[in-house]
Amino acid sequence: MFLEYNDRDIWIDENCTDCLLCVRVCPVGALTYPAEPQRNTTRTPA
């Protein structure tokens, strides 16, 4: 579990969807992270 996920940990690369770990945290971070949430919502992990 990635409890202490910082913006650097989540947004390691612009291709957040390409990161398996990111894909899991992306949906969560997108809500709290005041960045471009569209970038994360582009791919919805089942």
PDB file of N, CA and C in Angstrom:
ATOM      1  N   MET A   1       0.846  -1.206   0.000  1.00  0.00           N
ATOM      2  CA  MET A   1       0.000   0.000   0.000  1.00  0.00           C
ATOM      3  C   MET A   1       0.876   1.248   0.000  1.00  0.00           C
ATOM      4  N   PHE A   2       0.472   2.217  -0.776  1.00  0.00           N
ATOM      5  CA  PHE A   2       1.257   3.450  -0.865  1.00  0.00           C
ATOM      6  C   PHE A   2       0.569   4.533  -0.051  1.00  0.00           C
ATOM      7  N   LEU A   3       0.789   4.515   1.271  1.00  0.00           N
ATOM      8  CA  LEU A   3       0.128   5.499   2.126  1.00  0.00           C
ATOM      9  C   LEU A   3       0.765   6.871   1.959  1.00  0.00           C
ATOM     10  N   GLU A   4       2.083   6.907   2.056  1.00  0.00           N
ATOM     11  CA  GLU A   4       2.776   8.194   1.937  1.00  0.00           C
ATOM     12  C   GLU A   4       3.125   8.475   0.480  1.00  0.00           C
ATOM     13  N   TYR A   5       2.112   8.730  -0.323  1.00  0.00           N
ATOM     14  CA  TYR A   5       2.368   8.995  -1.733  1.00  0.00           C
ATOM     15  C   TYR A   5       2.480  10.504  -1.963  1.00  0.00           C
ATOM     16  N   ASN A   6       3.676  10.925  -2.337  1.00  0.00           N
ATOM     17  CA  ASN A   6       3.901  12.345  -2.632  1.00  0.00           C
ATOM     18  C   ASN A   6       3.652  12.601  -4.107  1.00  0.00           C
ATOM     19  N   ASP A   7       3.517  13.880  -4.466  1.00  0.00           N
ATOM     20  CA  ASP A   7       3.273  14.193  -5.878  1.00  0.00           C
ATOM     21  C   ASP A   7       4.396  13.639  -6.745  1.00  0.00           C
ATOM     22  N   ARG A   8       5.605  13.589  -6.202  1.00  0.00           N
ATOM     23  CA  ARG A   8       6.726  13.060  -6.984  1.00  0.00           C
ATOM     24  C   ARG A   8       6.612  11.553  -7.146  1.00  0.00           C
ATOM     25  N   ASP A   9       6.071  10.884  -6.121  1.00  0.00           N
ATOM     26  CA  ASP A   9       5.942   9.430  -6.191  1.00  0.00           C
ATOM     27  C   ASP A   9       4.859   9.033  -7.190  1.00  0.00           C
ATOM     28  N   ILE A  10       3.774   9.806  -7.185  1.00  0.00           N
ATOM     29  CA  ILE A  10       2.666   9.483  -8.076  1.00  0.00           C
ATOM     30  C   ILE A  10       2.960   9.932  -9.499  1.00  0.00           C
ATOM     31  N   TRP A  11       3.395  11.172  -9.601  1.00  0.00           N
ATOM     32  CA  TRP A  11       3.627  11.740 -10.929  1.00  0.00           C
ATOM     33  C   TRP A  11       5.090  11.627 -11.319  1.00  0.00           C
ATOM     34  N   ILE A  12       5.611  10.396 -11.294  1.00  0.00           N
ATOM     35  CA  ILE A  12       7.008  10.176 -11.668  1.00  0.00           C
ATOM     36  C   ILE A  12       7.191  10.552 -13.139  1.00  0.00           C
ATOM     37  N   ASP A  13       6.250  10.134 -13.948  1.00  0.00           N
ATOM     38  CA  ASP A  13       6.306  10.455 -15.378  1.00  0.00           C
ATOM     39  C   ASP A  13       4.954  10.985 -15.823  1.00  0.00           C
ATOM     40  N   GLU A  14       4.948  11.731 -16.895  1.00  0.00           N
ATOM     41  CA  GLU A  14       3.675  12.249 -17.399  1.00  0.00           C
ATOM     42  C   GLU A  14       2.750  11.096 -17.762  1.00  0.00           C
ATOM     43  N   ASN A  15       3.346   9.961 -18.103  1.00  0.00           N
ATOM     44  CA  ASN A  15       2.561   8.783 -18.451  1.00  0.00           C
ATOM     45  C   ASN A  15       2.216   8.007 -17.191  1.00  0.00           C
ATOM     46  N   CYS A  16       1.351   8.576 -16.389  1.00  0.00           N
ATOM     47  CA  CYS A  16       0.994   7.935 -15.121  1.00  0.00           C
ATOM     48  C   CYS A  16       0.342   6.579 -15.374  1.00  0.00           C
ATOM     49  N   THR A  17      -0.398   6.478 -16.462  1.00  0.00           N
ATOM     50  CA  THR A  17      -1.107   5.238 -16.772  1.00  0.00           C
ATOM     51  C   THR A  17      -0.130   4.116 -17.109  1.00  0.00           C
ATOM     52  N   ASP A  18       1.098   4.488 -17.457  1.00  0.00           N
ATOM     53  CA  ASP A  18       2.081   3.477 -17.838  1.00  0.00           C
ATOM     54  C   ASP A  18       2.716   2.842 -16.607  1.00  0.00           C
ATOM     55  N   CYS A  19       2.412   3.431 -15.444  1.00  0.00           N
ATOM     56  CA  CYS A  19       2.996   2.934 -14.192  1.00  0.00           C
ATOM     57  C   CYS A  19       1.971   2.083 -13.464  1.00  0.00           C
ATOM     58  N   LEU A  20       2.287   0.817 -13.244  1.00  0.00           N
ATOM     59  CA  LEU A  20       1.348  -0.080 -12.570  1.00  0.00           C
ATOM     60  C   LEU A  20       1.001   0.452 -11.189  1.00  0.00           C
ATOM     61  N   LEU A  21       2.030   0.815 -10.420  1.00  0.00           N
ATOM     62  CA  LEU A  21       1.794   1.321  -9.075  1.00  0.00           C
ATOM     63  C   LEU A  21       1.013   2.621  -9.152  1.00  0.00           C
ATOM     64  N   CYS A  22       1.345   3.426 -10.158  1.00  0.00           N
ATOM     65  CA  CYS A  22       0.692   4.716 -10.323  1.00  0.00           C
ATOM     66  C   CYS A  22      -0.791   4.524 -10.620  1.00  0.00           C
ATOM     67  N   VAL A  23      -1.081   3.573 -11.472  1.00  0.00           N
ATOM     68  CA  VAL A  23      -2.463   3.316 -11.872  1.00  0.00           C
ATOM     69  C   VAL A  23      -3.333   3.093 -10.640  1.00  0.00           C
ATOM     70  N   ARG A  24      -2.754   2.503  -9.616  1.00  0.00           N
ATOM     71  CA  ARG A  24      -3.526   2.217  -8.408  1.00  0.00           C
ATOM     72  C   ARG A  24      -3.724   3.489  -7.590  1.00  0.00           C
ATOM     73  N   VAL A  25      -2.692   4.294  -7.529  1.00  0.00           N
ATOM     74  CA  VAL A  25      -2.762   5.499  -6.711  1.00  0.00           C
ATOM     75  C   VAL A  25      -3.362   6.666  -7.484  1.00  0.00           C
ATOM     76  N   CYS A  26      -3.229   6.620  -8.797  1.00  0.00           N
ATOM     77  CA  CYS A  26      -3.724   7.707  -9.636  1.00  0.00           C
ATOM     78  C   CYS A  26      -5.161   8.113  -9.302  1.00  0.00           C
ATOM     79  N   PRO A  27      -6.104   7.189  -9.317  1.00  0.00           N
ATOM     80  CA  PRO A  27      -7.505   7.527  -9.026  1.00  0.00           C
ATOM     81  C   PRO A  27      -7.634   8.229  -7.683  1.00  0.00           C
ATOM     82  N   VAL A  28      -6.845   7.818  -6.714  1.00  0.00           N
ATOM     83  CA  VAL A  28      -6.919   8.422  -5.382  1.00  0.00           C
ATOM     84  C   VAL A  28      -6.233   9.779  -5.381  1.00  0.00           C
ATOM     85  N   GLY A  29      -5.069   9.829  -6.002  1.00  0.00           N
ATOM     86  CA  GLY A  29      -4.315  11.081  -6.018  1.00  0.00           C
ATOM     87  C   GLY A  29      -4.990  12.128  -6.880  1.00  0.00           C
ATOM     88  N   ALA A  30      -5.716  11.681  -7.886  1.00  0.00           N
ATOM     89  CA  ALA A  30      -6.381  12.617  -8.797  1.00  0.00           C
ATOM     90  C   ALA A  30      -7.396  13.463  -8.033  1.00  0.00           C
ATOM     91  N   LEU A  31      -7.979  12.879  -6.996  1.00  0.00           N
ATOM     92  CA  LEU A  31      -8.990  13.602  -6.230  1.00  0.00           C
ATOM     93  C   LEU A  31      -8.348  14.632  -5.310  1.00  0.00           C
ATOM     94  N   THR A  32      -7.194  14.288  -4.764  1.00  0.00           N
ATOM     95  CA  THR A  32      -6.542  15.181  -3.810  1.00  0.00           C
ATOM     96  C   THR A  32      -5.482  16.030  -4.486  1.00  0.00           C
ATOM     97  N   TYR A  33      -4.984  15.573  -5.598  1.00  0.00           N
ATOM     98  CA  TYR A  33      -3.913  16.304  -6.271  1.00  0.00           C
ATOM     99  C   TYR A  33      -4.490  17.391  -7.173  1.00  0.00           C
ATOM    100  N   PRO A  34      -4.218  18.640  -6.857  1.00  0.00           N
ATOM    101  CA  PRO A  34      -4.753  19.781  -7.630  1.00  0.00           C
ATOM    102  C   PRO A  34      -4.030  19.965  -8.956  1.00  0.00           C
ATOM    103  N   ALA A  35      -3.896  18.897  -9.714  1.00  0.00           N
ATOM    104  CA  ALA A  35      -3.222  18.995 -11.009  1.00  0.00           C
ATOM    105  C   ALA A  35      -4.237  18.681 -12.103  1.00  0.00           C
ATOM    106  N   GLU A  36      -3.771  18.210 -13.241  1.00  0.00           N
ATOM    107  CA  GLU A  36      -4.686  17.867 -14.325  1.00  0.00           C
ATOM    108  C   GLU A  36      -5.251  16.470 -14.104  1.00  0.00           C
ATOM    109  N   PRO A  37      -6.405  16.379 -13.470  1.00  0.00           N
ATOM    110  CA  PRO A  37      -7.015  15.074 -13.182  1.00  0.00           C
ATOM    111  C   PRO A  37      -7.399  14.336 -14.456  1.00  0.00           C
ATOM    112  N   GLN A  38      -7.605  15.086 -15.535  1.00  0.00           N
ATOM    113  CA  GLN A  38      -7.973  14.454 -16.803  1.00  0.00           C
ATOM    114  C   GLN A  38      -6.905  13.468 -17.240  1.00  0.00           C
ATOM    115  N   ARG A  39      -5.662  13.779 -16.890  1.00  0.00           N
ATOM    116  CA  ARG A  39      -4.565  12.908 -17.296  1.00  0.00           C
ATOM    117  C   ARG A  39      -4.728  11.526 -16.658  1.00  0.00           C
ATOM    118  N   ASN A  40      -5.254  11.501 -15.433  1.00  0.00           N
ATOM    119  CA  ASN A  40      -5.425  10.222 -14.740  1.00  0.00           C
ATOM    120  C   ASN A  40      -6.718   9.534 -15.183  1.00  0.00           C
ATOM    121  N   THR A  41      -7.741  10.342 -15.386  1.00  0.00           N
ATOM    122  CA  THR A  41      -9.038   9.780 -15.745  1.00  0.00           C
ATOM    123  C   THR A  41      -9.040   9.231 -17.167  1.00  0.00           C
ATOM    124  N   THR A  42      -7.969   9.502 -17.917  1.00  0.00           N
ATOM    125  CA  THR A  42      -7.900   9.005 -19.289  1.00  0.00           C
ATOM    126  C   THR A  42      -7.995   7.485 -19.299  1.00  0.00           C
ATOM    127  N   ARG A  43      -7.535   6.871 -18.228  1.00  0.00           N
ATOM    128  CA  ARG A  43      -7.594   5.412 -18.152  1.00  0.00           C
ATOM    129  C   ARG A  43      -8.195   5.016 -16.810  1.00  0.00           C
ATOM    130  N   THR A  44      -9.273   4.255 -16.820  1.00  0.00           N
ATOM    131  CA  THR A  44      -9.923   3.859 -15.577  1.00  0.00           C
ATOM    132  C   THR A  44      -9.612   2.405 -15.273  1.00  0.00           C
ATOM    133  N   PRO A  45      -8.791   2.172 -14.258  1.00  0.00           N
ATOM    134  CA  PRO A  45      -8.426   0.801 -13.848  1.00  0.00           C
ATOM    135  C   PRO A  45      -9.632   0.041 -13.324  1.00  0.00           C
ATOM    136  N   ALA A  46      -9.850  -1.160 -13.824  1.00  0.00           N
ATOM    137  CA  ALA A  46     -11.012  -1.946 -13.400  1.00  0.00           C
ATOM    138  C   ALA A  46     -10.843  -2.378 -11.955  1.00  0.00           C
TER     139      ALA A  46
END
